[in-house]
Amino acid sequence: MGADGERLGTVHNVTMNTTTGELVDVVVNPEGDLHGFDRTDAGRVRLPASSIQGLDDYLVVNPTRETWKGSEA
């Protein structure tokens, strides 16, 4: 979900650095338009680990969907 509380999609997969164990990115099945991020061949969005603000029952990602809607891919 975005920092504004809006649901952005569901987690499809995560990418980890196998040497360091660090999270690289989270691959999301988007709900609606998300621009400005890399996409997989299947159209899923790759959210970089640096955009994740919090983790609980949801991943909280910054910036919000409104910011992404205004970005060019």
Protein backbone atom coordinates (compact mmCIF):
# COMPACT_ATOMS: atom_id res chain seq x y z
CA MET A 1 0.00 0.00 0.00
CA GLY A 2 1.11 3.54 -0.57
CA ALA A 3 2.05 5.86 2.26
CA ASP A 4 -1.41 7.40 1.82
CA GLY A 5 -3.08 4.06 2.71
CA GLU A 6 -4.23 3.23 -0.81
CA ARG A 7 -3.75 -0.39 -1.92
CA LEU A 8 -1.34 -0.60 -4.86
CA GLY A 9 -1.42 -4.33 -5.59
CA THR A 10 -0.46 -7.74 -4.29
CA VAL A 11 3.05 -9.12 -3.86
CA HIS A 12 3.94 -11.64 -6.54
CA ASN A 13 7.59 -12.23 -5.69
CA VAL A 14 10.64 -10.73 -3.98
CA THR A 15 14.22 -10.46 -5.21
CA MET A 16 17.05 -10.93 -2.73
CA ASN A 17 20.80 -10.52 -3.07
CA THR A 18 21.96 -14.09 -2.45
CA THR A 19 25.37 -12.96 -1.23
CA THR A 20 24.26 -10.33 1.31
CA GLY A 21 20.69 -11.47 2.00
CA GLU A 22 19.44 -7.93 1.37
CA LEU A 23 16.08 -7.28 -0.24
CA VAL A 24 16.54 -5.88 -3.76
CA ASP A 25 12.96 -5.36 -4.89
CA VAL A 26 9.39 -6.54 -4.55
CA VAL A 27 7.45 -7.61 -7.65
CA VAL A 28 3.80 -6.55 -7.47
CA ASN A 29 0.67 -7.37 -9.47
CA PRO A 30 -0.55 -3.77 -9.73
CA GLU A 31 -4.12 -2.64 -9.12
CA GLY A 32 -4.53 0.21 -11.56
CA ASP A 33 -1.94 2.51 -13.11
CA LEU A 34 1.56 2.58 -11.63
CA HIS A 35 4.10 4.43 -13.75
CA GLY A 36 7.73 5.30 -13.23
CA PHE A 37 8.96 1.85 -12.20
CA ASP A 38 10.54 -1.03 -14.08
CA ARG A 39 8.15 -3.76 -15.17
CA THR A 40 8.60 -7.45 -15.78
CA ASP A 41 7.74 -8.99 -19.15
CA ALA A 42 4.41 -10.02 -17.61
CA GLY A 43 3.58 -6.37 -16.74
CA ARG A 44 4.23 -6.66 -13.01
CA VAL A 45 5.83 -3.69 -11.25
CA ARG A 46 9.26 -3.90 -9.60
CA LEU A 47 9.25 -1.75 -6.46
CA PRO A 48 12.81 -1.10 -5.26
CA ALA A 49 13.57 -1.99 -1.65
CA SER A 50 14.55 1.63 -1.06
CA SER A 51 10.89 2.65 -1.54
CA ILE A 52 9.63 0.41 1.30
CA GLN A 53 8.89 2.42 4.45
CA GLY A 54 7.35 -0.21 6.67
CA LEU A 55 6.39 -3.83 6.93
CA ASP A 56 3.52 -5.40 8.85
CA ASP A 57 0.46 -7.06 7.32
CA TYR A 58 1.14 -4.69 4.39
CA LEU A 59 4.27 -3.29 2.80
CA VAL A 60 4.10 0.48 3.06
CA VAL A 61 5.71 2.12 0.04
CA ASN A 62 6.65 5.74 -0.56
CA PRO A 63 5.70 7.68 -2.66
CA THR A 64 1.95 7.41 -3.04
CA ARG A 65 -0.07 6.18 -6.03
CA GLU A 66 -0.84 9.80 -7.00
CA THR A 67 2.87 10.45 -7.43
CA TRP A 68 3.22 7.35 -9.61
CA LYS A 69 0.19 8.25 -11.73
CA GLY A 70 1.89 11.50 -12.67
CA SER A 71 5.24 9.91 -13.58
CA GLU A 72 6.25 8.85 -17.03
CA ALA A 73 7.41 5.25 -17.41
